[in-house]
């Protein structure tokens, strides 16, 4: 997905398919499946999506294009699970602003738990069944 997005949309730091952190990518992909004391840490679908996006944006596993991959991953994750994103509620600009806040929370002085809460609340509102 990263390669296709980098080729299609480019960007100043596009390096199609280059993974800087295999651990960060694996951590992001596995985050929605985390179990805690025998229970799912992220019980609802929006929680799982939020956990995945949060981890992907925090880990920044690719050399450039991490926010673009996160946006495409949001739609792919939903589609694979018979869900959709209401783009009237999460349009391109709103998604860009949210993902910038998540990716840059340290520089903005926003605690990670607040950023995760924001992305989880947003996903709860915008994800709908097909």
C-alpha atoms as a PDB file:
ATOM      1  CA  UNK A   1       0.000   0.000   0.000  1.00  0.00           C
ATOM      2  CA  UNK A   2       2.822   2.389   0.873  1.00  0.00           C
ATOM      3  CA  UNK A   3       4.475   1.824  -2.483  1.00  0.00           C
ATOM      4  CA  UNK A   4       1.245   2.454  -4.416  1.00  0.00           C
ATOM      5  CA  UNK A   5       0.417   5.597  -2.434  1.00  0.00           C
ATOM      6  CA  UNK A   6       3.948   6.977  -2.750  1.00  0.00           C
ATOM      7  CA  UNK A   7       3.985   6.413  -6.501  1.00  0.00           C
ATOM      8  CA  UNK A   8       0.499   7.885  -6.975  1.00  0.00           C
ATOM      9  CA  UNK A   9       0.707  10.907  -4.689  1.00  0.00           C
ATOM     10  CA  UNK A  10       4.432  11.449  -4.234  1.00  0.00           C
ATOM     11  CA  UNK A  11       5.376  14.082  -1.706  1.00  0.00           C
ATOM     12  CA  UNK A  12       8.677  15.689  -0.806  1.00  0.00           C
ATOM     13  CA  UNK A  13       9.934  12.612   0.994  1.00  0.00           C
ATOM     14  CA  UNK A  14       8.319   9.812  -0.993  1.00  0.00           C
ATOM     15  CA  UNK A  15      10.375   6.644  -0.896  1.00  0.00           C
ATOM     16  CA  UNK A  16       8.020   4.006  -2.338  1.00  0.00           C
ATOM     17  CA  UNK A  17       7.983   0.856  -0.245  1.00  0.00           C
ATOM     18  CA  UNK A  18      10.833   1.850   2.083  1.00  0.00           C
ATOM     19  CA  UNK A  19      10.175   0.678   5.643  1.00  0.00           C
ATOM     20  CA  UNK A  20      12.333   2.392   8.265  1.00  0.00           C
ATOM     21  CA  UNK A  21      10.911   0.408  11.178  1.00  0.00           C
ATOM     22  CA  UNK A  22       9.711  -3.137  10.585  1.00  0.00           C
ATOM     23  CA  UNK A  23       8.984  -3.360  14.320  1.00  0.00           C
ATOM     24  CA  UNK A  24       6.894  -0.169  14.154  1.00  0.00           C
ATOM     25  CA  UNK A  25       4.904  -1.529  11.220  1.00  0.00           C
ATOM     26  CA  UNK A  26       4.330  -4.890  12.918  1.00  0.00           C
ATOM     27  CA  UNK A  27       3.363  -3.156  16.167  1.00  0.00           C
ATOM     28  CA  UNK A  28       0.834  -0.994  14.312  1.00  0.00           C
ATOM     29  CA  UNK A  29      -0.742  -3.880  12.424  1.00  0.00           C
ATOM     30  CA  UNK A  30      -1.011  -6.043  15.544  1.00  0.00           C
ATOM     31  CA  UNK A  31      -2.254  -3.298  17.892  1.00  0.00           C
ATOM     32  CA  UNK A  32      -5.999  -3.855  17.264  1.00  0.00           C
ATOM     33  CA  UNK A  33      -5.598  -7.527  18.254  1.00  0.00           C
ATOM     34  CA  UNK A  34      -4.027  -6.894  21.681  1.00  0.00           C
ATOM     35  CA  UNK A  35      -5.434  -8.937  24.562  1.00  0.00           C
ATOM     36  CA  UNK A  36      -5.260  -7.815  28.173  1.00  0.00           C
ATOM     37  CA  UNK A  37      -6.072 -10.244  30.991  1.00  0.00           C
ATOM     38  CA  UNK A  38      -7.823 -12.511  28.495  1.00  0.00           C
ATOM     39  CA  UNK A  39      -9.977  -9.750  27.008  1.00  0.00           C
ATOM     40  CA  UNK A  40      -9.650  -7.615  23.941  1.00  0.00           C
ATOM     41  CA  UNK A  41      -7.980  -4.321  24.821  1.00  0.00           C
ATOM     42  CA  UNK A  42      -9.961  -2.655  22.022  1.00  0.00           C
ATOM     43  CA  UNK A  43     -13.427  -4.191  22.121  1.00  0.00           C
ATOM     44  CA  UNK A  44     -15.341  -2.154  19.535  1.00  0.00           C
ATOM     45  CA  UNK A  45     -14.541  -1.750  15.872  1.00  0.00           C
ATOM     46  CA  UNK A  46     -13.950   2.034  16.162  1.00  0.00           C
ATOM     47  CA  UNK A  47     -11.579   1.332  19.078  1.00  0.00           C
ATOM     48  CA  UNK A  48      -9.636  -1.142  16.921  1.00  0.00           C
ATOM     49  CA  UNK A  49      -9.409   1.362  14.063  1.00  0.00           C
ATOM     50  CA  UNK A  50      -8.304   4.096  16.447  1.00  0.00           C
ATOM     51  CA  UNK A  51      -5.650   1.838  17.988  1.00  0.00           C
ATOM     52  CA  UNK A  52      -4.325   0.917  14.544  1.00  0.00           C
ATOM     53  CA  UNK A  53      -4.235   4.504  13.272  1.00  0.00           C
ATOM     54  CA  UNK A  54      -2.742   5.821  16.494  1.00  0.00           C
ATOM     55  CA  UNK A  55       0.028   3.214  16.418  1.00  0.00           C
ATOM     56  CA  UNK A  56       0.688   3.764  12.709  1.00  0.00           C
ATOM     57  CA  UNK A  57       0.985   7.526  13.160  1.00  0.00           C
ATOM     58  CA  UNK A  58       3.072   7.231  16.350  1.00  0.00           C
ATOM     59  CA  UNK A  59       5.449   4.614  14.953  1.00  0.00           C
ATOM     60  CA  UNK A  60       5.866   6.271  11.524  1.00  0.00           C
ATOM     61  CA  UNK A  61       7.278   3.038  10.098  1.00  0.00           C
ATOM     62  CA  UNK A  62       7.738   4.337   6.543  1.00  0.00           C
ATOM     63  CA  UNK A  63      10.227   6.773   5.125  1.00  0.00           C
ATOM     64  CA  UNK A  64       7.711   9.457   4.245  1.00  0.00           C
ATOM     65  CA  UNK A  65       4.018   9.196   3.480  1.00  0.00           C
ATOM     66  CA  UNK A  66       2.921   7.877   6.877  1.00  0.00           C
ATOM     67  CA  UNK A  67      -0.150  10.122   7.116  1.00  0.00           C
ATOM     68  CA  UNK A  68      -1.207   9.287   3.553  1.00  0.00           C
ATOM     69  CA  UNK A  69      -0.844   5.566   4.317  1.00  0.00           C
ATOM     70  CA  UNK A  70      -2.850   6.019   7.523  1.00  0.00           C
ATOM     71  CA  UNK A  71      -5.704   7.629   5.587  1.00  0.00           C
ATOM     72  CA  UNK A  72      -5.733   4.898   2.937  1.00  0.00           C
ATOM     73  CA  UNK A  73      -5.470   2.263   5.686  1.00  0.00           C
ATOM     74  CA  UNK A  74      -8.518   3.714   7.423  1.00  0.00           C
ATOM     75  CA  UNK A  75     -10.632   3.154   4.320  1.00  0.00           C
ATOM     76  CA  UNK A  76      -9.109  -0.280   3.600  1.00  0.00           C
ATOM     77  CA  UNK A  77      -9.574  -1.474   7.193  1.00  0.00           C
ATOM     78  CA  UNK A  78     -13.206  -0.372   7.128  1.00  0.00           C
ATOM     79  CA  UNK A  79     -13.896  -1.919   3.737  1.00  0.00           C
ATOM     80  CA  UNK A  80     -12.371  -5.253   4.755  1.00  0.00           C
ATOM     81  CA  UNK A  81     -14.727  -5.267   7.740  1.00  0.00           C
ATOM     82  CA  UNK A  82     -17.901  -4.237   5.890  1.00  0.00           C
ATOM     83  CA  UNK A  83     -17.808  -0.704   7.254  1.00  0.00           C
ATOM     84  CA  UNK A  84     -17.566   2.689   5.627  1.00  0.00           C
ATOM     85  CA  UNK A  85     -16.325   6.138   6.588  1.00  0.00           C
ATOM     86  CA  UNK A  86     -18.909   8.899   6.454  1.00  0.00           C
ATOM     87  CA  UNK A  87     -16.918  11.443   4.457  1.00  0.00           C
ATOM     88  CA  UNK A  88     -19.464  14.132   5.258  1.00  0.00           C
ATOM     89  CA  UNK A  89     -18.241  13.899   8.853  1.00  0.00           C
ATOM     90  CA  UNK A  90     -14.597  13.162   8.112  1.00  0.00           C
ATOM     91  CA  UNK A  91     -13.734  15.019   4.947  1.00  0.00           C
ATOM     92  CA  UNK A  92     -10.226  15.356   3.550  1.00  0.00           C
ATOM     93  CA  UNK A  93      -9.409  18.501   5.528  1.00  0.00           C
ATOM     94  CA  UNK A  94     -10.748  17.110   8.837  1.00  0.00           C
ATOM     95  CA  UNK A  95      -8.747  13.889   8.353  1.00  0.00           C
ATOM     96  CA  UNK A  96      -5.606  15.847   7.500  1.00  0.00           C
ATOM     97  CA  UNK A  97      -5.971  18.014  10.619  1.00  0.00           C
ATOM     98  CA  UNK A  98      -6.640  15.017  12.867  1.00  0.00           C
ATOM     99  CA  UNK A  99      -3.710  13.021  11.511  1.00  0.00           C
ATOM    100  CA  UNK A 100      -1.356  16.014  11.803  1.00  0.00           C
ATOM    101  CA  UNK A 101      -2.389  16.456  15.452  1.00  0.00           C
ATOM    102  CA  UNK A 102      -1.843  12.776  16.181  1.00  0.00           C
ATOM    103  CA  UNK A 103       1.512  12.581  14.390  1.00  0.00           C
ATOM    104  CA  UNK A 104       2.748  15.855  15.918  1.00  0.00           C
ATOM    105  CA  UNK A 105       1.270  15.577  19.402  1.00  0.00           C
ATOM    106  CA  UNK A 106       4.681  15.832  21.084  1.00  0.00           C
ATOM    107  CA  UNK A 107       5.554  19.096  19.374  1.00  0.00           C
ATOM    108  CA  UNK A 108       2.054  20.427  20.088  1.00  0.00           C
ATOM    109  CA  UNK A 109       2.306  19.468  23.760  1.00  0.00           C
ATOM    110  CA  UNK A 110      -0.751  17.193  23.650  1.00  0.00           C
ATOM    111  CA  UNK A 111      -0.617  14.108  25.908  1.00  0.00           C
ATOM    112  CA  UNK A 112      -0.847  10.843  23.919  1.00  0.00           C
ATOM    113  CA  UNK A 113      -3.921   9.696  25.858  1.00  0.00           C
ATOM    114  CA  UNK A 114      -5.770  12.851  24.772  1.00  0.00           C
ATOM    115  CA  UNK A 115      -4.793  12.285  21.163  1.00  0.00           C
ATOM    116  CA  UNK A 116      -5.929   8.659  21.305  1.00  0.00           C
ATOM    117  CA  UNK A 117      -9.229   9.731  22.873  1.00  0.00           C
ATOM    118  CA  UNK A 118      -9.742  12.263  20.091  1.00  0.00           C
ATOM    119  CA  UNK A 119      -9.084   9.756  17.323  1.00  0.00           C
ATOM    120  CA  UNK A 120     -11.286   7.123  19.047  1.00  0.00           C
ATOM    121  CA  UNK A 121     -14.174   9.581  19.434  1.00  0.00           C
ATOM    122  CA  UNK A 122     -13.814  10.635  15.808  1.00  0.00           C
ATOM    123  CA  UNK A 123     -13.815   7.024  14.578  1.00  0.00           C
ATOM    124  CA  UNK A 124     -16.891   6.278  16.698  1.00  0.00           C
ATOM    125  CA  UNK A 125     -18.759   9.090  14.922  1.00  0.00           C
ATOM    126  CA  UNK A 126     -17.600   8.521  11.351  1.00  0.00           C
ATOM    127  CA  UNK A 127     -17.532   4.728  10.909  1.00  0.00           C
ATOM    128  CA  UNK A 128     -20.829   3.281   9.710  1.00  0.00           C
ATOM    129  CA  UNK A 129     -21.958  -0.196   8.551  1.00  0.00           C
ATOM    130  CA  UNK A 130     -22.136  -0.779   4.784  1.00  0.00           C
END
